[in-house]
Amino acid sequence: MKQKIIKNIKNIISEIGNVTTGEMQSESSQVYKNRATHHSCSLVEGYNFDNITVIEYVHETEVNLFYAPYEDLTIWQLKRVFSELKEFAELNEKS
């Protein structure tokens, strides 16, 4: 199931290019692997063909950026990513 969703995500990325949650005007970013504490959190902030961009924040300050595979996301997260990307692609197609 995960691989099918990832394939669909990559198909959209191949059409629209790399995109960030800011560009998509997402309501929120996904938490990466529940790595949130009172002082820090890691959020998925971008989608590339090969991977996701994760930014680690400490007290709202960016302290680290790294790339991770789509497989690290849960099925629920992947479904949300696919839905947001699909909506974003459709809106840009109409523009």
C-alpha atoms as a PDB file:
ATOM      1  CA  MET A   1       0.000   0.000   0.000  1.00  0.00           C
ATOM      2  CA  LYS A   2       2.769   2.445   0.944  1.00  0.00           C
ATOM      3  CA  GLN A   3       4.646   1.855  -2.307  1.00  0.00           C
ATOM      4  CA  LYS A   4       1.555   2.592  -4.402  1.00  0.00           C
ATOM      5  CA  ILE A   5       0.953   5.900  -2.604  1.00  0.00           C
ATOM      6  CA  ILE A   6       4.652   6.811  -2.906  1.00  0.00           C
ATOM      7  CA  LYS A   7       4.525   6.046  -6.631  1.00  0.00           C
ATOM      8  CA  ASN A   8       1.500   8.358  -7.004  1.00  0.00           C
ATOM      9  CA  ILE A   9       3.297  11.096  -5.029  1.00  0.00           C
ATOM     10  CA  LYS A  10       6.362  10.786  -7.254  1.00  0.00           C
ATOM     11  CA  ASN A  11       4.185  10.980 -10.387  1.00  0.00           C
ATOM     12  CA  ILE A  12       2.821  14.334  -9.223  1.00  0.00           C
ATOM     13  CA  ILE A  13       6.296  15.597  -8.238  1.00  0.00           C
ATOM     14  CA  SER A  14       7.602  14.644 -11.691  1.00  0.00           C
ATOM     15  CA  GLU A  15       4.898  16.880 -13.203  1.00  0.00           C
ATOM     16  CA  ILE A  16       5.058  19.891 -10.869  1.00  0.00           C
ATOM     17  CA  GLY A  17       8.642  19.719  -9.576  1.00  0.00           C
ATOM     18  CA  ASN A  18       9.922  19.923  -6.014  1.00  0.00           C
ATOM     19  CA  VAL A  19       7.597  21.752  -3.670  1.00  0.00           C
ATOM     20  CA  THR A  20       7.559  22.959  -0.065  1.00  0.00           C
ATOM     21  CA  THR A  21       4.714  23.063   2.415  1.00  0.00           C
ATOM     22  CA  GLY A  22       5.011  26.859   2.297  1.00  0.00           C
ATOM     23  CA  GLU A  23       4.483  26.944  -1.463  1.00  0.00           C
ATOM     24  CA  MET A  24       1.475  24.677  -1.074  1.00  0.00           C
ATOM     25  CA  GLN A  25       0.168  26.845   1.770  1.00  0.00           C
ATOM     26  CA  SER A  26      -0.366  23.739   3.897  1.00  0.00           C
ATOM     27  CA  GLU A  27      -2.240  24.186   7.142  1.00  0.00           C
ATOM     28  CA  SER A  28       0.620  22.472   8.951  1.00  0.00           C
ATOM     29  CA  SER A  29       3.708  20.380   8.363  1.00  0.00           C
ATOM     30  CA  GLN A  30       3.885  16.710   9.215  1.00  0.00           C
ATOM     31  CA  VAL A  31       5.861  15.728  12.316  1.00  0.00           C
ATOM     32  CA  TYR A  32       8.712  13.459  11.268  1.00  0.00           C
ATOM     33  CA  LYS A  33       8.765  10.170  13.210  1.00  0.00           C
ATOM     34  CA  ASN A  34       7.173  11.723  16.312  1.00  0.00           C
ATOM     35  CA  ARG A  35      10.445  13.482  17.079  1.00  0.00           C
ATOM     36  CA  ALA A  36       8.763  16.352  18.887  1.00  0.00           C
ATOM     37  CA  THR A  37       9.656  17.414  22.431  1.00  0.00           C
ATOM     38  CA  HIS A  38       8.949  20.537  24.478  1.00  0.00           C
ATOM     39  CA  HIS A  39      12.048  22.182  23.020  1.00  0.00           C
ATOM     40  CA  SER A  40      12.447  20.695  19.559  1.00  0.00           C
ATOM     41  CA  CYS A  41      10.596  19.071  16.700  1.00  0.00           C
ATOM     42  CA  SER A  42      11.377  17.731  13.249  1.00  0.00           C
ATOM     43  CA  LEU A  43       8.907  18.700  10.522  1.00  0.00           C
ATOM     44  CA  VAL A  44       8.514  17.578   6.930  1.00  0.00           C
ATOM     45  CA  GLU A  45       8.855  20.844   5.003  1.00  0.00           C
ATOM     46  CA  GLY A  46       9.412  19.724   1.419  1.00  0.00           C
ATOM     47  CA  TYR A  47       8.726  17.032  -1.145  1.00  0.00           C
ATOM     48  CA  ASN A  48      11.255  16.015  -3.775  1.00  0.00           C
ATOM     49  CA  PHE A  49      11.132  13.189  -6.285  1.00  0.00           C
ATOM     50  CA  ASP A  50      13.556  11.012  -4.319  1.00  0.00           C
ATOM     51  CA  ASN A  51      12.843  12.049  -0.726  1.00  0.00           C
ATOM     52  CA  ILE A  52      11.308  14.409   1.794  1.00  0.00           C
ATOM     53  CA  THR A  53      13.016  17.441   3.310  1.00  0.00           C
ATOM     54  CA  VAL A  54      12.966  17.472   7.101  1.00  0.00           C
ATOM     55  CA  ILE A  55      13.876  20.514   9.181  1.00  0.00           C
ATOM     56  CA  GLU A  56      14.613  20.232  12.875  1.00  0.00           C
ATOM     57  CA  TYR A  57      13.611  23.207  14.999  1.00  0.00           C
ATOM     58  CA  VAL A  58      14.609  24.140  18.550  1.00  0.00           C
ATOM     59  CA  HIS A  59      12.464  26.913  19.979  1.00  0.00           C
ATOM     60  CA  GLU A  60      11.319  27.823  16.432  1.00  0.00           C
ATOM     61  CA  THR A  61      14.930  28.175  15.220  1.00  0.00           C
ATOM     62  CA  GLU A  62      16.099  25.914  12.378  1.00  0.00           C
ATOM     63  CA  VAL A  63      19.038  23.855  13.626  1.00  0.00           C
ATOM     64  CA  ASN A  64      19.269  21.017  11.113  1.00  0.00           C
ATOM     65  CA  LEU A  65      18.064  20.055   7.646  1.00  0.00           C
ATOM     66  CA  PHE A  66      18.173  16.515   6.296  1.00  0.00           C
ATOM     67  CA  TYR A  67      16.550  14.306   3.697  1.00  0.00           C
ATOM     68  CA  ALA A  68      14.659  11.111   4.453  1.00  0.00           C
ATOM     69  CA  PRO A  69      12.866   8.480   2.374  1.00  0.00           C
ATOM     70  CA  TYR A  70       9.123   8.610   1.864  1.00  0.00           C
ATOM     71  CA  GLU A  71       8.981   5.171   3.481  1.00  0.00           C
ATOM     72  CA  ASP A  72       9.652   6.839   6.855  1.00  0.00           C
ATOM     73  CA  LEU A  73       6.153   8.358   6.763  1.00  0.00           C
ATOM     74  CA  THR A  74       3.095   6.452   7.933  1.00  0.00           C
ATOM     75  CA  ILE A  75       0.373   5.448   5.493  1.00  0.00           C
ATOM     76  CA  TRP A  76      -1.862   8.155   6.993  1.00  0.00           C
ATOM     77  CA  GLN A  77       0.846  10.780   6.425  1.00  0.00           C
ATOM     78  CA  LEU A  78       1.464   9.569   2.862  1.00  0.00           C
ATOM     79  CA  LYS A  79      -2.250   9.776   2.071  1.00  0.00           C
ATOM     80  CA  ARG A  80      -2.316  13.354   3.371  1.00  0.00           C
ATOM     81  CA  VAL A  81       0.791  14.272   1.347  1.00  0.00           C
ATOM     82  CA  PHE A  82      -0.737  12.778  -1.798  1.00  0.00           C
ATOM     83  CA  SER A  83      -4.006  14.622  -1.243  1.00  0.00           C
ATOM     84  CA  GLU A  84      -2.258  17.983  -0.688  1.00  0.00           C
ATOM     85  CA  LEU A  85       0.021  17.515  -3.707  1.00  0.00           C
ATOM     86  CA  LYS A  86      -2.899  16.514  -5.915  1.00  0.00           C
ATOM     87  CA  GLU A  87      -4.906  19.568  -4.851  1.00  0.00           C
ATOM     88  CA  PHE A  88      -1.889  21.844  -5.343  1.00  0.00           C
ATOM     89  CA  ALA A  89      -1.236  20.411  -8.831  1.00  0.00           C
ATOM     90  CA  GLU A  90      -4.880  20.878  -9.823  1.00  0.00           C
ATOM     91  CA  LEU A  91      -4.925  24.500  -8.602  1.00  0.00           C
ATOM     92  CA  ASN A  92      -1.733  25.297 -10.529  1.00  0.00           C
ATOM     93  CA  GLU A  93      -3.077  23.608 -13.636  1.00  0.00           C
ATOM     94  CA  LYS A  94      -6.062  25.976 -13.640  1.00  0.00           C
ATOM     95  CA  SER A  95      -3.874  29.057 -13.191  1.00  0.00           C
END
